[in-house]
Amino acid sequence: MPFFLCLPCISNSLYSLMVSWLQSSMRFSKVTMYMTKWLNHLRL
């Protein structure tokens, strides 16, 4: 099996990995935002 035939598979897996990483980072930023709001509320 030539290497250039496997390139689409690699790029596809990389793309899915990047998408999942972006989703998790978005979720993490949401959580941190919520936590900072909560901490500010506690401080007041």
PDB file of N, CA and C in Angstrom:
ATOM      1  N   MET A   1       0.849  -1.205   0.000  1.00  0.00           N
ATOM      2  CA  MET A   1       0.000   0.000   0.000  1.00  0.00           C
ATOM      3  C   MET A   1       0.880   1.250   0.000  1.00  0.00           C
ATOM      4  N   PRO A   2       0.731   2.095  -1.010  1.00  0.00           N
ATOM      5  CA  PRO A   2       1.547   3.314  -1.079  1.00  0.00           C
ATOM      6  C   PRO A   2       1.183   4.295   0.031  1.00  0.00           C
ATOM      7  N   PHE A   3       2.110   5.155   0.307  1.00  0.00           N
ATOM      8  CA  PHE A   3       1.925   6.098   1.408  1.00  0.00           C
ATOM      9  C   PHE A   3       0.892   7.169   1.068  1.00  0.00           C
ATOM     10  N   PHE A   4       0.888   7.650  -0.168  1.00  0.00           N
ATOM     11  CA  PHE A   4      -0.017   8.753  -0.524  1.00  0.00           C
ATOM     12  C   PHE A   4      -1.481   8.324  -0.478  1.00  0.00           C
ATOM     13  N   LEU A   5      -1.725   7.004  -0.542  1.00  0.00           N
ATOM     14  CA  LEU A   5      -3.104   6.531  -0.403  1.00  0.00           C
ATOM     15  C   LEU A   5      -3.548   6.584   1.053  1.00  0.00           C
ATOM     16  N   CYS A   6      -2.587   6.570   1.950  1.00  0.00           N
ATOM     17  CA  CYS A   6      -2.917   6.597   3.371  1.00  0.00           C
ATOM     18  C   CYS A   6      -3.011   8.031   3.891  1.00  0.00           C
ATOM     19  N   LEU A   7      -2.571   8.994   3.122  1.00  0.00           N
ATOM     20  CA  LEU A   7      -2.608  10.390   3.567  1.00  0.00           C
ATOM     21  C   LEU A   7      -4.009  10.883   3.914  1.00  0.00           C
ATOM     22  N   PRO A   8      -5.030  10.591   3.114  1.00  0.00           N
ATOM     23  CA  PRO A   8      -6.383  11.034   3.492  1.00  0.00           C
ATOM     24  C   PRO A   8      -6.821  10.481   4.844  1.00  0.00           C
ATOM     25  N   CYS A   9      -6.463   9.235   5.123  1.00  0.00           N
ATOM     26  CA  CYS A   9      -6.831   8.647   6.417  1.00  0.00           C
ATOM     27  C   CYS A   9      -6.169   9.419   7.548  1.00  0.00           C
ATOM     28  N   ILE A  10      -4.897   9.734   7.377  1.00  0.00           N
ATOM     29  CA  ILE A  10      -4.157  10.463   8.411  1.00  0.00           C
ATOM     30  C   ILE A  10      -4.758  11.847   8.613  1.00  0.00           C
ATOM     31  N   SER A  11      -5.020  12.538   7.525  1.00  0.00           N
ATOM     32  CA  SER A  11      -5.581  13.885   7.645  1.00  0.00           C
ATOM     33  C   SER A  11      -6.979  13.831   8.261  1.00  0.00           C
ATOM     34  N   ASN A  12      -7.737  12.801   7.916  1.00  0.00           N
ATOM     35  CA  ASN A  12      -9.080  12.657   8.477  1.00  0.00           C
ATOM     36  C   ASN A  12      -9.014  12.434   9.985  1.00  0.00           C
ATOM     37  N   SER A  13      -8.116  11.566  10.419  1.00  0.00           N
ATOM     38  CA  SER A  13      -7.981  11.312  11.856  1.00  0.00           C
ATOM     39  C   SER A  13      -7.477  12.561  12.572  1.00  0.00           C
ATOM     40  N   LEU A  14      -6.553  13.282  11.934  1.00  0.00           N
ATOM     41  CA  LEU A  14      -6.058  14.526  12.525  1.00  0.00           C
ATOM     42  C   LEU A  14      -7.180  15.535  12.660  1.00  0.00           C
ATOM     43  N   TYR A  15      -8.013  15.614  11.641  1.00  0.00           N
ATOM     44  CA  TYR A  15      -9.133  16.557  11.671  1.00  0.00           C
ATOM     45  C   TYR A  15     -10.107  16.214  12.797  1.00  0.00           C
ATOM     46  N   SER A  16     -10.444  14.945  12.928  1.00  0.00           N
ATOM     47  CA  SER A  16     -11.364  14.537  13.998  1.00  0.00           C
ATOM     48  C   SER A  16     -10.743  14.804  15.367  1.00  0.00           C
ATOM     49  N   LEU A  17      -9.437  14.551  15.479  1.00  0.00           N
ATOM     50  CA  LEU A  17      -8.751  14.817  16.738  1.00  0.00           C
ATOM     51  C   LEU A  17      -8.797  16.306  17.075  1.00  0.00           C
ATOM     52  N   MET A  18      -8.553  17.144  16.089  1.00  0.00           N
ATOM     53  CA  MET A  18      -8.576  18.582  16.309  1.00  0.00           C
ATOM     54  C   MET A  18      -9.978  19.042  16.703  1.00  0.00           C
ATOM     55  N   VAL A  19     -10.992  18.490  16.046  1.00  0.00           N
ATOM     56  CA  VAL A  19     -12.374  18.866  16.358  1.00  0.00           C
ATOM     57  C   VAL A  19     -12.715  18.482  17.798  1.00  0.00           C
ATOM     58  N   SER A  20     -12.347  17.285  18.191  1.00  0.00           N
ATOM     59  CA  SER A  20     -12.626  16.853  19.570  1.00  0.00           C
ATOM     60  C   SER A  20     -11.863  17.716  20.568  1.00  0.00           C
ATOM     61  N   TRP A  21     -10.608  18.066  20.221  1.00  0.00           N
ATOM     62  CA  TRP A  21      -9.825  18.921  21.116  1.00  0.00           C
ATOM     63  C   TRP A  21     -10.469  20.289  21.239  1.00  0.00           C
ATOM     64  N   LEU A  22     -10.963  20.828  20.129  1.00  0.00           N
ATOM     65  CA  LEU A  22     -11.632  22.131  20.167  1.00  0.00           C
ATOM     66  C   LEU A  22     -12.892  22.067  21.018  1.00  0.00           C
ATOM     67  N   GLN A  23     -13.655  21.011  20.871  1.00  0.00           N
ATOM     68  CA  GLN A  23     -14.882  20.862  21.665  1.00  0.00           C
ATOM     69  C   GLN A  23     -14.554  20.787  23.153  1.00  0.00           C
ATOM     70  N   SER A  24     -13.535  20.017  23.495  1.00  0.00           N
ATOM     71  CA  SER A  24     -13.172  19.892  24.911  1.00  0.00           C
ATOM     72  C   SER A  24     -12.644  21.212  25.455  1.00  0.00           C
ATOM     73  N   SER A  25     -11.879  21.941  24.649  1.00  0.00           N
ATOM     74  CA  SER A  25     -11.360  23.229  25.120  1.00  0.00           C
ATOM     75  C   SER A  25     -12.497  24.232  25.292  1.00  0.00           C
ATOM     76  N   MET A  26     -13.490  24.185  24.393  1.00  0.00           N
ATOM     77  CA  MET A  26     -14.648  25.070  24.539  1.00  0.00           C
ATOM     78  C   MET A  26     -15.386  24.745  25.832  1.00  0.00           C
ATOM     79  N   ARG A  27     -15.574  23.471  26.091  1.00  0.00           N
ATOM     80  CA  ARG A  27     -16.249  23.058  27.312  1.00  0.00           C
ATOM     81  C   ARG A  27     -15.448  23.518  28.530  1.00  0.00           C
ATOM     82  N   PHE A  28     -14.134  23.372  28.445  1.00  0.00           N
ATOM     83  CA  PHE A  28     -13.275  23.769  29.559  1.00  0.00           C
ATOM     84  C   PHE A  28     -13.360  25.275  29.799  1.00  0.00           C
ATOM     85  N   SER A  29     -13.372  26.056  28.741  1.00  0.00           N
ATOM     86  CA  SER A  29     -13.472  27.511  28.898  1.00  0.00           C
ATOM     87  C   SER A  29     -14.824  27.886  29.503  1.00  0.00           C
ATOM     88  N   LYS A  30     -15.866  27.176  29.096  1.00  0.00           N
ATOM     89  CA  LYS A  30     -17.186  27.427  29.689  1.00  0.00           C
ATOM     90  C   LYS A  30     -17.154  27.151  31.183  1.00  0.00           C
ATOM     91  N   VAL A  31     -16.533  26.044  31.547  1.00  0.00           N
ATOM     92  CA  VAL A  31     -16.458  25.673  32.964  1.00  0.00           C
ATOM     93  C   VAL A  31     -15.658  26.709  33.745  1.00  0.00           C
ATOM     94  N   THR A  32     -14.543  27.148  33.185  1.00  0.00           N
ATOM     95  CA  THR A  32     -13.722  28.140  33.890  1.00  0.00           C
ATOM     96  C   THR A  32     -14.474  29.459  34.018  1.00  0.00           C
ATOM     97  N   MET A  33     -15.209  29.831  32.985  1.00  0.00           N
ATOM     98  CA  MET A  33     -15.999  31.057  33.056  1.00  0.00           C
ATOM     99  C   MET A  33     -17.044  30.941  34.169  1.00  0.00           C
ATOM    100  N   TYR A  34     -17.706  29.804  34.219  1.00  0.00           N
ATOM    101  CA  TYR A  34     -18.715  29.591  35.251  1.00  0.00           C
ATOM    102  C   TYR A  34     -18.085  29.638  36.641  1.00  0.00           C
ATOM    103  N   MET A  35     -16.907  29.035  36.763  1.00  0.00           N
ATOM    104  CA  MET A  35     -16.230  29.022  38.062  1.00  0.00           C
ATOM    105  C   MET A  35     -15.820  30.429  38.483  1.00  0.00           C
ATOM    106  N   THR A  36     -15.326  31.227  37.560  1.00  0.00           N
ATOM    107  CA  THR A  36     -14.933  32.595  37.914  1.00  0.00           C
ATOM    108  C   THR A  36     -16.157  33.408  38.312  1.00  0.00           C
ATOM    109  N   LYS A  37     -17.263  33.211  37.617  1.00  0.00           N
ATOM    110  CA  LYS A  37     -18.507  33.894  37.995  1.00  0.00           C
ATOM    111  C   LYS A  37     -18.912  33.505  39.410  1.00  0.00           C
ATOM    112  N   TRP A  38     -18.844  32.213  39.680  1.00  0.00           N
ATOM    113  CA  TRP A  38     -19.230  31.702  40.992  1.00  0.00           C
ATOM    114  C   TRP A  38     -18.323  32.269  42.081  1.00  0.00           C
ATOM    115  N   LEU A  39     -17.008  32.324  41.801  1.00  0.00           N
ATOM    116  CA  LEU A  39     -16.060  32.853  42.784  1.00  0.00           C
ATOM    117  C   LEU A  39     -16.297  34.337  43.016  1.00  0.00           C
ATOM    118  N   ASN A  40     -16.583  35.063  41.975  1.00  0.00           N
ATOM    119  CA  ASN A  40     -16.886  36.486  42.132  1.00  0.00           C
ATOM    120  C   ASN A  40     -18.149  36.674  42.958  1.00  0.00           C
ATOM    121  N   HIS A  41     -19.104  35.830  42.727  1.00  0.00           N
ATOM    122  CA  HIS A  41     -20.348  35.906  43.492  1.00  0.00           C
ATOM    123  C   HIS A  41     -20.076  35.626  44.973  1.00  0.00           C
ATOM    124  N   LEU A  42     -19.205  34.657  45.230  1.00  0.00           N
ATOM    125  CA  LEU A  42     -18.865  34.326  46.616  1.00  0.00           C
ATOM    126  C   LEU A  42     -18.113  35.477  47.279  1.00  0.00           C
ATOM    127  N   ARG A  43     -17.258  36.126  46.528  1.00  0.00           N
ATOM    128  CA  ARG A  43     -16.472  37.217  47.082  1.00  0.00           C
ATOM    129  C   ARG A  43     -17.382  38.384  47.475  1.00  0.00           C
ATOM    130  N   LEU A  44     -18.419  38.627  46.683  1.00  0.00           N
ATOM    131  CA  LEU A  44     -19.355  39.711  47.002  1.00  0.00           C
ATOM    132  C   LEU A  44     -20.243  39.265  48.153  1.00  0.00           C
TER     133      LEU A  44
END
